[in-house]
Amino acid sequence: MQQRQSQAALLLARASVTEAQVTVTETTNKLGRVRDLIAKRLSAPEELDTAIAAAGRAEAALAVANAIAPEHLQLMTADPAALVPLVRNAGAVFCGPWSPASLGDYTAGPSHVLPTFGSARFAGALSVLDFLKQIHVVTADESGLARLGPVVETLATAEGLPVHAASIGARRTWAP
């Protein structure tokens, strides 16, 4: 019962500030109980943008979660740490009933700025790295250009950038 109350509280907390909430559980018998707990806490539960579904097993539930790429992913299982390696797309992962997303938002997480609306497929939480400027430095010698030059010429030509291809070709014909 405590776990289902935690799930309902999580849905309510997240729905107050973010996109639609999705709960994926392993068994169908938990679905109605979580839905009932949400209904008890809301005066108009139909206004909560949420979906609750059964996936059959944890791996299938995580496949759904990875496809959704949630801002917050709460793992409410007996051994949530065992599932963390299966998570590929989530802004932040919260393990167990004692690790609510609110804890991460305010005290334990990297920041309150997480990727929303599925952007966790290609982005992570805001971090100090987002404020650092990176400069890429490329140094090649003659043999490196001889080896990679034809690849660059092919790609540049395919992209419709003949001047890029010509800049490689011109260098490859220089006499040492």
C-alpha atoms as a PDB file:
ATOM      1  CA  MET A   1       0.000   0.000   0.000  1.00  0.00           C
ATOM      2  CA  GLN A   2       2.822   2.403   0.872  1.00  0.00           C
ATOM      3  CA  GLN A   3       4.370   1.941  -2.579  1.00  0.00           C
ATOM      4  CA  ARG A   4       1.070   2.662  -4.345  1.00  0.00           C
ATOM      5  CA  GLN A   5       0.608   5.788  -2.204  1.00  0.00           C
ATOM      6  CA  SER A   6       4.099   6.876  -3.209  1.00  0.00           C
ATOM      7  CA  GLN A   7       3.261   6.277  -6.869  1.00  0.00           C
ATOM      8  CA  ALA A   8       0.078   8.312  -6.602  1.00  0.00           C
ATOM      9  CA  ALA A   9       1.878  11.138  -4.787  1.00  0.00           C
ATOM     10  CA  LEU A  10       4.594  11.122  -7.450  1.00  0.00           C
ATOM     11  CA  LEU A  11       2.057  11.433 -10.246  1.00  0.00           C
ATOM     12  CA  LEU A  12       0.315  14.289  -8.503  1.00  0.00           C
ATOM     13  CA  ALA A  13       3.550  16.159  -7.750  1.00  0.00           C
ATOM     14  CA  ARG A  14       4.895  15.832 -11.269  1.00  0.00           C
ATOM     15  CA  ALA A  15       1.580  16.616 -12.958  1.00  0.00           C
ATOM     16  CA  SER A  16       1.468  19.930 -11.151  1.00  0.00           C
ATOM     17  CA  VAL A  17       4.480  21.230 -13.074  1.00  0.00           C
ATOM     18  CA  THR A  18       5.324  19.104 -16.115  1.00  0.00           C
ATOM     19  CA  GLU A  19       3.962  17.317 -19.132  1.00  0.00           C
ATOM     20  CA  ALA A  20       1.658  14.309 -19.078  1.00  0.00           C
ATOM     21  CA  GLN A  21       2.456  11.620 -16.535  1.00  0.00           C
ATOM     22  CA  VAL A  22       2.732   7.952 -17.383  1.00  0.00           C
ATOM     23  CA  THR A  23       2.851   5.103 -14.887  1.00  0.00           C
ATOM     24  CA  VAL A  24       3.899   1.739 -16.257  1.00  0.00           C
ATOM     25  CA  THR A  25       3.622  -1.166 -13.862  1.00  0.00           C
ATOM     26  CA  GLU A  26       4.330  -4.878 -14.108  1.00  0.00           C
ATOM     27  CA  THR A  27       0.900  -6.052 -12.953  1.00  0.00           C
ATOM     28  CA  THR A  28      -2.624  -4.924 -13.738  1.00  0.00           C
ATOM     29  CA  ASN A  29      -3.841  -5.290 -10.137  1.00  0.00           C
ATOM     30  CA  LYS A  30      -1.814  -2.209  -9.142  1.00  0.00           C
ATOM     31  CA  LEU A  31      -3.392  -0.017 -11.805  1.00  0.00           C
ATOM     32  CA  GLY A  32      -6.800   0.395 -10.226  1.00  0.00           C
ATOM     33  CA  ARG A  33      -5.349   1.003  -6.784  1.00  0.00           C
ATOM     34  CA  VAL A  34      -3.055   3.778  -8.000  1.00  0.00           C
ATOM     35  CA  ARG A  35      -5.924   5.323  -9.974  1.00  0.00           C
ATOM     36  CA  ASP A  36      -8.182   5.199  -6.874  1.00  0.00           C
ATOM     37  CA  LEU A  37      -5.550   6.888  -4.718  1.00  0.00           C
ATOM     38  CA  ILE A  38      -5.182   9.678  -7.264  1.00  0.00           C
ATOM     39  CA  ALA A  39      -8.949  10.146  -7.405  1.00  0.00           C
ATOM     40  CA  LYS A  40      -9.112  10.473  -3.590  1.00  0.00           C
ATOM     41  CA  ARG A  41      -6.564  13.290  -3.623  1.00  0.00           C
ATOM     42  CA  LEU A  42      -8.035  15.313  -6.485  1.00  0.00           C
ATOM     43  CA  SER A  43     -11.339  17.087  -6.649  1.00  0.00           C
ATOM     44  CA  ALA A  44     -11.324  16.649 -10.449  1.00  0.00           C
ATOM     45  CA  PRO A  45      -9.099  13.637 -11.260  1.00  0.00           C
ATOM     46  CA  GLU A  46     -10.138  13.734 -14.923  1.00  0.00           C
ATOM     47  CA  GLU A  47      -8.122  16.964 -15.233  1.00  0.00           C
ATOM     48  CA  LEU A  48      -4.890  15.124 -14.440  1.00  0.00           C
ATOM     49  CA  ASP A  49      -3.066  14.406 -17.693  1.00  0.00           C
ATOM     50  CA  THR A  50      -1.944  10.883 -16.869  1.00  0.00           C
ATOM     51  CA  ALA A  51      -1.854   7.394 -18.281  1.00  0.00           C
ATOM     52  CA  ILE A  52      -1.446   4.168 -16.320  1.00  0.00           C
ATOM     53  CA  ALA A  53      -0.556   0.920 -18.102  1.00  0.00           C
ATOM     54  CA  ALA A  54       0.699  -2.590 -17.364  1.00  0.00           C
ATOM     55  CA  ALA A  55       3.781  -3.857 -19.193  1.00  0.00           C
ATOM     56  CA  GLY A  56       4.056  -7.412 -17.844  1.00  0.00           C
ATOM     57  CA  ARG A  57       7.659  -7.256 -16.658  1.00  0.00           C
ATOM     58  CA  ALA A  58      10.215  -4.638 -15.633  1.00  0.00           C
ATOM     59  CA  GLU A  59      12.213  -4.852 -18.867  1.00  0.00           C
ATOM     60  CA  ALA A  60       9.096  -4.126 -20.922  1.00  0.00           C
ATOM     61  CA  ALA A  61       8.171  -1.229 -18.632  1.00  0.00           C
ATOM     62  CA  LEU A  62      11.635   0.253 -19.113  1.00  0.00           C
ATOM     63  CA  ALA A  63      11.338  -0.131 -22.878  1.00  0.00           C
ATOM     64  CA  VAL A  64       8.225   2.044 -22.652  1.00  0.00           C
ATOM     65  CA  ALA A  65      10.026   4.519 -20.382  1.00  0.00           C
ATOM     66  CA  ASN A  66      12.990   4.725 -22.752  1.00  0.00           C
ATOM     67  CA  ALA A  67      10.651   5.416 -25.666  1.00  0.00           C
ATOM     68  CA  ILE A  68       8.915   8.191 -23.716  1.00  0.00           C
ATOM     69  CA  ALA A  69      12.234   9.631 -22.459  1.00  0.00           C
ATOM     70  CA  PRO A  70      10.727  11.169 -19.303  1.00  0.00           C
ATOM     71  CA  GLU A  71      12.033  14.175 -17.438  1.00  0.00           C
ATOM     72  CA  HIS A  72      11.733  12.179 -14.188  1.00  0.00           C
ATOM     73  CA  LEU A  73      11.788   8.379 -14.025  1.00  0.00           C
ATOM     74  CA  GLN A  74      10.776   6.844 -10.703  1.00  0.00           C
ATOM     75  CA  LEU A  75      11.728   3.171 -10.298  1.00  0.00           C
ATOM     76  CA  MET A  76       9.379   1.688  -7.714  1.00  0.00           C
ATOM     77  CA  THR A  77      10.545  -1.925  -7.498  1.00  0.00           C
ATOM     78  CA  ALA A  78      12.076  -4.130  -4.807  1.00  0.00           C
ATOM     79  CA  ASP A  79      15.525  -3.586  -6.377  1.00  0.00           C
ATOM     80  CA  PRO A  80      15.473  -0.363  -8.422  1.00  0.00           C
ATOM     81  CA  ALA A  81      19.281  -0.211  -8.667  1.00  0.00           C
ATOM     82  CA  ALA A  82      19.211  -3.409 -10.731  1.00  0.00           C
ATOM     83  CA  LEU A  83      17.101  -1.622 -13.351  1.00  0.00           C
ATOM     84  CA  VAL A  84      19.199   1.543 -13.644  1.00  0.00           C
ATOM     85  CA  PRO A  85      21.553  -0.006 -16.258  1.00  0.00           C
ATOM     86  CA  LEU A  86      18.505  -0.553 -18.500  1.00  0.00           C
ATOM     87  CA  VAL A  87      17.616   3.157 -18.481  1.00  0.00           C
ATOM     88  CA  ARG A  88      18.760   4.861 -21.675  1.00  0.00           C
ATOM     89  CA  ASN A  89      16.533   7.928 -21.864  1.00  0.00           C
ATOM     90  CA  ALA A  90      15.594   9.887 -18.750  1.00  0.00           C
ATOM     91  CA  GLY A  91      16.456  13.296 -17.394  1.00  0.00           C
ATOM     92  CA  ALA A  92      16.895  11.903 -13.883  1.00  0.00           C
ATOM     93  CA  VAL A  93      16.233   8.513 -12.282  1.00  0.00           C
ATOM     94  CA  PHE A  94      14.825   8.202  -8.762  1.00  0.00           C
ATOM     95  CA  CYS A  95      15.181   4.825  -7.064  1.00  0.00           C
ATOM     96  CA  GLY A  96      12.563   3.570  -4.627  1.00  0.00           C
ATOM     97  CA  PRO A  97       9.851   5.158  -2.490  1.00  0.00           C
ATOM     98  CA  TRP A  98      12.328   7.188  -0.416  1.00  0.00           C
ATOM     99  CA  SER A  99      13.738   8.999  -3.455  1.00  0.00           C
ATOM    100  CA  PRO A 100      10.934  11.194  -4.793  1.00  0.00           C
ATOM    101  CA  ALA A 101      11.557  13.499  -7.732  1.00  0.00           C
ATOM    102  CA  SER A 102      11.032  16.506  -5.459  1.00  0.00           C
ATOM    103  CA  LEU A 103      14.119  15.443  -3.507  1.00  0.00           C
ATOM    104  CA  GLY A 104      16.150  15.600  -6.701  1.00  0.00           C
ATOM    105  CA  ASP A 105      14.590  18.853  -7.826  1.00  0.00           C
ATOM    106  CA  TYR A 106      15.534  20.705  -4.675  1.00  0.00           C
ATOM    107  CA  THR A 107      18.401  19.032  -2.844  1.00  0.00           C
ATOM    108  CA  ALA A 108      19.826  15.786  -4.218  1.00  0.00           C
ATOM    109  CA  GLY A 109      19.760  16.211  -7.985  1.00  0.00           C
ATOM    110  CA  PRO A 110      22.078  17.857 -10.457  1.00  0.00           C
ATOM    111  CA  SER A 111      19.602  20.709 -10.879  1.00  0.00           C
ATOM    112  CA  HIS A 112      15.926  21.437 -11.281  1.00  0.00           C
ATOM    113  CA  VAL A 113      16.501  21.897 -15.016  1.00  0.00           C
ATOM    114  CA  LEU A 114      15.851  18.575 -16.752  1.00  0.00           C
ATOM    115  CA  PRO A 115      15.021  17.716 -20.359  1.00  0.00           C
ATOM    116  CA  THR A 116      11.253  17.759 -20.956  1.00  0.00           C
ATOM    117  CA  PHE A 117       8.882  16.478 -23.631  1.00  0.00           C
ATOM    118  CA  GLY A 118      11.064  13.535 -24.677  1.00  0.00           C
ATOM    119  CA  SER A 119      14.268  15.520 -25.131  1.00  0.00           C
ATOM    120  CA  ALA A 120      15.981  13.130 -22.689  1.00  0.00           C
ATOM    121  CA  ARG A 121      16.568  11.036 -25.818  1.00  0.00           C
ATOM    122  CA  PHE A 122      19.443  13.385 -26.673  1.00  0.00           C
ATOM    123  CA  ALA A 123      20.025  15.647 -23.670  1.00  0.00           C
ATOM    124  CA  GLY A 124      20.658  15.373 -19.951  1.00  0.00           C
ATOM    125  CA  ALA A 125      20.232  17.563 -16.897  1.00  0.00           C
ATOM    126  CA  LEU A 126      21.659  21.056 -16.887  1.00  0.00           C
ATOM    127  CA  SER A 127      25.143  20.929 -15.413  1.00  0.00           C
ATOM    128  CA  VAL A 128      28.256  23.036 -15.097  1.00  0.00           C
ATOM    129  CA  LEU A 129      29.386  21.554 -18.431  1.00  0.00           C
ATOM    130  CA  ASP A 130      26.637  23.552 -20.150  1.00  0.00           C
ATOM    131  CA  PHE A 131      28.461  26.735 -19.132  1.00  0.00           C
ATOM    132  CA  LEU A 132      31.886  25.682 -20.355  1.00  0.00           C
ATOM    133  CA  LYS A 133      33.058  26.567 -23.824  1.00  0.00           C
ATOM    134  CA  GLN A 134      34.707  23.779 -25.735  1.00  0.00           C
ATOM    135  CA  ILE A 135      37.105  24.422 -28.579  1.00  0.00           C
ATOM    136  CA  HIS A 136      37.976  21.519 -30.813  1.00  0.00           C
ATOM    137  CA  VAL A 137      41.535  21.518 -32.135  1.00  0.00           C
ATOM    138  CA  VAL A 138      42.428  19.418 -35.176  1.00  0.00           C
ATOM    139  CA  THR A 139      46.005  18.723 -36.221  1.00  0.00           C
ATOM    140  CA  ALA A 140      46.802  16.364 -39.081  1.00  0.00           C
ATOM    141  CA  ASP A 141      50.015  15.535 -40.859  1.00  0.00           C
ATOM    142  CA  GLU A 142      50.446  14.722 -44.556  1.00  0.00           C
ATOM    143  CA  SER A 143      49.804  10.998 -44.098  1.00  0.00           C
ATOM    144  CA  GLY A 144      46.677  11.699 -42.037  1.00  0.00           C
ATOM    145  CA  LEU A 145      45.250  13.943 -44.749  1.00  0.00           C
ATOM    146  CA  ALA A 146      46.213  11.370 -47.403  1.00  0.00           C
ATOM    147  CA  ARG A 147      44.315   8.700 -45.458  1.00  0.00           C
ATOM    148  CA  LEU A 148      41.207  10.744 -44.526  1.00  0.00           C
ATOM    149  CA  GLY A 149      41.101  13.186 -47.449  1.00  0.00           C
ATOM    150  CA  PRO A 150      39.236  10.920 -49.876  1.00  0.00           C
ATOM    151  CA  VAL A 151      36.544  10.286 -47.254  1.00  0.00           C
ATOM    152  CA  VAL A 152      36.127  14.031 -46.706  1.00  0.00           C
ATOM    153  CA  GLU A 153      35.956  14.648 -50.466  1.00  0.00           C
ATOM    154  CA  THR A 154      33.255  11.989 -50.859  1.00  0.00           C
ATOM    155  CA  LEU A 155      31.168  13.334 -47.962  1.00  0.00           C
ATOM    156  CA  ALA A 156      31.552  16.973 -49.011  1.00  0.00           C
ATOM    157  CA  THR A 157      30.554  16.150 -52.570  1.00  0.00           C
ATOM    158  CA  ALA A 158      27.537  14.155 -51.356  1.00  0.00           C
ATOM    159  CA  GLU A 159      26.455  17.124 -49.226  1.00  0.00           C
ATOM    160  CA  GLY A 160      26.710  19.467 -52.198  1.00  0.00           C
ATOM    161  CA  LEU A 161      29.745  21.343 -50.835  1.00  0.00           C
ATOM    162  CA  PRO A 162      32.250  21.137 -53.703  1.00  0.00           C
ATOM    163  CA  VAL A 163      34.496  23.867 -52.286  1.00  0.00           C
ATOM    164  CA  HIS A 164      35.076  21.764 -49.167  1.00  0.00           C
ATOM    165  CA  ALA A 165      36.004  18.798 -51.351  1.00  0.00           C
ATOM    166  CA  ALA A 166      38.286  20.989 -53.470  1.00  0.00           C
ATOM    167  CA  SER A 167      40.108  22.274 -50.367  1.00  0.00           C
ATOM    168  CA  ILE A 168      41.100  18.699 -49.584  1.00  0.00           C
ATOM    169  CA  GLY A 169      41.977  17.810 -53.160  1.00  0.00           C
ATOM    170  CA  ALA A 170      44.186  20.867 -53.518  1.00  0.00           C
ATOM    171  CA  ARG A 171      46.187  19.983 -50.402  1.00  0.00           C
ATOM    172  CA  ARG A 172      46.587  16.357 -51.404  1.00  0.00           C
ATOM    173  CA  THR A 173      48.247  17.414 -54.662  1.00  0.00           C
ATOM    174  CA  TRP A 174      50.797  19.721 -53.016  1.00  0.00           C
ATOM    175  CA  ALA A 175      54.376  18.662 -53.391  1.00  0.00           C
ATOM    176  CA  PRO A 176      56.170  18.012 -50.089  1.00  0.00           C
END
